[in-house]
Amino acid sequence: MTTSTRFQEKVVVVTGAAQGIGRGVAITAAQEGATVVLCDRSDLVHDVANAISARGGRCLPVLADLEHYAGASALMHAACDAYGRIDVLVNNVGGTIWAKPYQHYDDVQIEAEVRRSLFPTLWCCHAVLPTMIAQQRGAIVNVSSIATRSIYRVPYAASKGGVNALTASLAFEHADDGIRVNAVATGGTEAPPRKVPRNAEPQSGQDAAWYQRIVDQTIASSLMHRYGTIDEQVRAILFLASDDASYITGTVLPVGGGDQG
């Protein structure tokens, strides 16, 4: 149980908060004093909100589909209507849907990967900027990936490369507005089985073999030769979100056991 209060009196918006890293960020931020706005398109976000409330934390669950701008806009309006400001935005939505050599993707799958892993971050950054500019203060942390250099995830890699470019460009544009923009490039991360899978299609033997190649490559590329934990990713994300990182912006921090992505 953390005893830090570095997010006391701060409003922290976390997307993709129902499971995995997003859930970990939301719960830990609340333990450190944040008022957390949790967003997901799954009703499971209410379970996370209940867990936070049961520990005495303050939070607001919001259901929204962030692959579309209307969802991102509704999220930021809900946060501001409830609490009057947004101090931190953690853009966590994304994740590989299919894993296979690029030539085996069809056009629909390529577009779906980009909608999942680039557009939610694009939309949420756009939707939060008017609030943070008016405040002349804010921190945005985008969750990227070391998979910008990997195998069998080209559309996902391209999407996260876009997240990295967005991070650098926004940091340039809005430093004078008191807004810091950074990213954490997460490495392979051990997590419980997803309650809502990214891909509900049955997995063939070939699909399983391709996915195992990703796992093998990820472990081999890490100097520590292992997957990380959710907590190891959460600590890096919340460091960049906090005032501990007050002189850091435009940075993509790899958290992959030495794999620089």
Foldseek 3Di string as FASTA:
>chain_A
DDPAQLQAPAEEEFEPCLFFLNVVLQQVSQNNHYAYEYEYQDPSSVVSVVVSVVVVGHYHYDHFDLLDLVRLLVSLVVSCVVRNAHAEYEADWADFLAFAAPVPDDPVNLVVRLSGQARSVVSNVVNRVVRLLVVLHHEYEYEAALVLPAHRRPSNNVRSVNVLVVQLVVCVVRVRSHYAGEYEHFAAEDGPPDPDHSYPDDADPVRVVRVVRRVCGLLVLAPVSDHHYSVLVSVVRVCRRGCVVSPDHSYYHYDRNHSPD
